[in-house]
Amino acid sequence: MARTHRMDCTASPAGLLFECLDGCGRRVVVDGMSGDLTIVDHGDRAALHQSSNGGVELTSTRVD
């Protein structure tokens, strides 16, 4: 069973930055205009990462 990591969200006019609070280093950006998601740092690829901010909910699954 995959571990679940919590992510913190920082909002800016450019979009949303999600960063793992459990120390694995995962960082994900959601573009404020297009909604495109970019993984900046993968962190622990085996962990399930979850976060939300207002109407945005982020859940990532394992990437092989």
N, C-alpha and C. Protein backbone atom coordinates (compact mmCIF):
# COMPACT_ATOMS: atom_id res chain seq x y z
N MET A 1 0.85 -1.18 0.00
CA MET A 1 0.00 0.00 0.00
C MET A 1 0.89 1.25 0.00
N ALA A 2 0.58 2.19 -0.83
CA ALA A 2 1.39 3.40 -0.96
C ALA A 2 1.23 4.31 0.25
N ARG A 3 2.32 4.96 0.60
CA ARG A 3 2.26 5.97 1.66
C ARG A 3 1.56 7.20 1.11
N THR A 4 0.89 7.96 1.98
CA THR A 4 0.23 9.19 1.58
C THR A 4 0.99 10.37 2.16
N HIS A 5 1.38 11.29 1.29
CA HIS A 5 2.06 12.51 1.71
C HIS A 5 1.13 13.69 1.53
N ARG A 6 1.19 14.63 2.46
CA ARG A 6 0.40 15.85 2.37
C ARG A 6 1.22 16.92 1.66
N MET A 7 0.55 17.76 0.91
CA MET A 7 1.22 18.85 0.20
C MET A 7 0.61 20.18 0.62
N ASP A 8 1.46 21.20 0.72
CA ASP A 8 1.04 22.55 1.04
C ASP A 8 0.89 23.32 -0.27
N CYS A 9 -0.04 24.25 -0.32
CA CYS A 9 -0.29 25.02 -1.54
C CYS A 9 -0.02 26.50 -1.29
N THR A 10 0.73 27.10 -2.22
CA THR A 10 0.97 28.54 -2.21
C THR A 10 0.37 29.11 -3.49
N ALA A 11 -0.56 30.05 -3.34
CA ALA A 11 -1.24 30.65 -4.50
C ALA A 11 -0.55 31.96 -4.87
N SER A 12 -0.47 32.21 -6.18
CA SER A 12 0.03 33.48 -6.69
C SER A 12 -0.79 33.82 -7.93
N PRO A 13 -0.67 35.04 -8.46
CA PRO A 13 -1.40 35.37 -9.68
C PRO A 13 -1.03 34.46 -10.86
N ALA A 14 0.18 33.90 -10.83
CA ALA A 14 0.63 33.03 -11.92
C ALA A 14 0.08 31.62 -11.82
N GLY A 15 -0.35 31.20 -10.63
CA GLY A 15 -0.87 29.85 -10.47
C GLY A 15 -0.70 29.33 -9.06
N LEU A 16 -0.63 28.00 -8.94
CA LEU A 16 -0.52 27.34 -7.64
C LEU A 16 0.74 26.49 -7.57
N LEU A 17 1.46 26.58 -6.46
CA LEU A 17 2.63 25.74 -6.22
C LEU A 17 2.29 24.81 -5.07
N PHE A 18 2.37 23.50 -5.32
CA PHE A 18 2.15 22.49 -4.31
C PHE A 18 3.50 21.89 -3.93
N GLU A 19 3.81 21.86 -2.61
CA GLU A 19 5.07 21.32 -2.12
C GLU A 19 4.79 20.29 -1.03
N CYS A 20 5.51 19.16 -1.07
CA CYS A 20 5.32 18.08 -0.11
C CYS A 20 5.76 18.52 1.28
N LEU A 21 4.88 18.30 2.27
CA LEU A 21 5.18 18.63 3.66
C LEU A 21 5.92 17.51 4.38
N ASP A 22 6.01 16.34 3.76
CA ASP A 22 6.60 15.18 4.40
C ASP A 22 8.07 14.99 4.04
N GLY A 23 8.67 15.99 3.41
CA GLY A 23 10.11 16.01 3.21
C GLY A 23 10.65 15.25 2.01
N CYS A 24 9.81 14.76 1.12
CA CYS A 24 10.33 14.00 -0.02
C CYS A 24 10.78 14.90 -1.16
N GLY A 25 10.34 16.16 -1.16
CA GLY A 25 10.82 17.10 -2.18
C GLY A 25 9.91 17.30 -3.38
N ARG A 26 8.75 16.63 -3.43
CA ARG A 26 7.87 16.80 -4.59
C ARG A 26 7.36 18.24 -4.66
N ARG A 27 7.42 18.82 -5.87
CA ARG A 27 6.87 20.15 -6.13
C ARG A 27 6.14 20.10 -7.46
N VAL A 28 4.92 20.62 -7.46
CA VAL A 28 4.05 20.62 -8.64
C VAL A 28 3.48 22.02 -8.81
N VAL A 29 3.44 22.50 -10.05
CA VAL A 29 2.89 23.81 -10.36
C VAL A 29 1.67 23.65 -11.25
N VAL A 30 0.59 24.36 -10.92
CA VAL A 30 -0.60 24.42 -11.77
C VAL A 30 -0.68 25.84 -12.32
N ASP A 31 -0.59 25.97 -13.65
CA ASP A 31 -0.62 27.28 -14.31
C ASP A 31 -1.98 27.94 -14.11
N GLY A 32 -1.97 29.21 -13.70
CA GLY A 32 -3.20 29.93 -13.41
C GLY A 32 -4.05 30.24 -14.62
N MET A 33 -3.44 30.33 -15.79
CA MET A 33 -4.19 30.66 -17.01
C MET A 33 -4.70 29.41 -17.72
N SER A 34 -3.82 28.45 -17.96
CA SER A 34 -4.18 27.28 -18.76
C SER A 34 -4.65 26.09 -17.94
N GLY A 35 -4.24 26.05 -16.65
CA GLY A 35 -4.57 24.89 -15.82
C GLY A 35 -3.59 23.74 -16.02
N ASP A 36 -2.56 23.94 -16.86
CA ASP A 36 -1.56 22.90 -17.10
C ASP A 36 -0.82 22.57 -15.81
N LEU A 37 -0.53 21.30 -15.60
CA LEU A 37 0.19 20.84 -14.43
C LEU A 37 1.61 20.47 -14.83
N THR A 38 2.60 20.97 -14.09
CA THR A 38 4.01 20.66 -14.35
C THR A 38 4.63 20.14 -13.08
N ILE A 39 5.26 18.96 -13.17
CA ILE A 39 6.00 18.41 -12.03
C ILE A 39 7.40 19.00 -12.07
N VAL A 40 7.75 19.79 -11.06
CA VAL A 40 9.07 20.41 -10.98
C VAL A 40 10.07 19.43 -10.40
N ASP A 41 9.72 18.77 -9.29
CA ASP A 41 10.53 17.73 -8.67
C ASP A 41 9.62 16.57 -8.33
N HIS A 42 10.00 15.35 -8.74
CA HIS A 42 9.15 14.18 -8.52
C HIS A 42 9.07 13.76 -7.06
N GLY A 43 10.15 13.89 -6.30
CA GLY A 43 10.15 13.44 -4.92
C GLY A 43 9.97 11.93 -4.86
N ASP A 44 9.24 11.44 -3.88
CA ASP A 44 8.99 10.01 -3.70
C ASP A 44 7.92 9.56 -4.68
N ARG A 45 8.34 8.88 -5.73
CA ARG A 45 7.40 8.47 -6.79
C ARG A 45 6.44 7.38 -6.33
N ALA A 46 6.76 6.68 -5.26
CA ALA A 46 5.89 5.60 -4.77
C ALA A 46 4.78 6.12 -3.86
N ALA A 47 4.90 7.36 -3.40
CA ALA A 47 3.91 7.91 -2.47
C ALA A 47 2.73 8.53 -3.21
N LEU A 48 1.58 8.50 -2.57
CA LEU A 48 0.38 9.18 -3.05
C LEU A 48 0.41 10.58 -2.44
N HIS A 49 0.36 11.61 -3.26
CA HIS A 49 0.41 12.99 -2.78
C HIS A 49 -0.98 13.62 -2.90
N GLN A 50 -1.41 14.30 -1.82
CA GLN A 50 -2.73 14.91 -1.80
C GLN A 50 -2.68 16.32 -1.23
N SER A 51 -3.51 17.20 -1.80
CA SER A 51 -3.64 18.56 -1.30
C SER A 51 -4.89 19.18 -1.90
N SER A 52 -5.27 20.34 -1.35
CA SER A 52 -6.37 21.10 -1.94
C SER A 52 -6.19 22.56 -1.57
N ASN A 53 -6.81 23.41 -2.40
CA ASN A 53 -6.78 24.85 -2.16
C ASN A 53 -8.05 25.42 -2.77
N GLY A 54 -8.98 25.83 -1.93
CA GLY A 54 -10.23 26.35 -2.46
C GLY A 54 -10.94 25.30 -3.30
N GLY A 55 -11.19 25.61 -4.56
CA GLY A 55 -11.86 24.69 -5.46
C GLY A 55 -10.94 23.75 -6.20
N VAL A 56 -9.64 23.77 -5.90
CA VAL A 56 -8.68 22.91 -6.58
C VAL A 56 -8.27 21.79 -5.66
N GLU A 57 -8.44 20.54 -6.12
CA GLU A 57 -8.01 19.38 -5.36
C GLU A 57 -6.98 18.63 -6.20
N LEU A 58 -5.85 18.29 -5.58
CA LEU A 58 -4.76 17.62 -6.28
C LEU A 58 -4.50 16.28 -5.64
N THR A 59 -4.57 15.21 -6.43
CA THR A 59 -4.19 13.89 -5.98
C THR A 59 -3.33 13.27 -7.08
N SER A 60 -2.13 12.87 -6.73
CA SER A 60 -1.25 12.26 -7.72
C SER A 60 -1.12 10.78 -7.42
N THR A 61 -0.93 10.01 -8.45
CA THR A 61 -0.74 8.57 -8.31
C THR A 61 0.68 8.22 -8.64
N ARG A 62 1.04 7.00 -8.38
CA ARG A 62 2.39 6.53 -8.63
C ARG A 62 2.71 6.61 -10.11
N VAL A 63 3.93 7.07 -10.40
CA VAL A 63 4.41 7.16 -11.78
C VAL A 63 5.57 6.19 -11.93
N ASP A 64 5.48 5.26 -12.88
CA ASP A 64 6.57 4.31 -13.13
C ASP A 64 7.56 4.87 -14.09
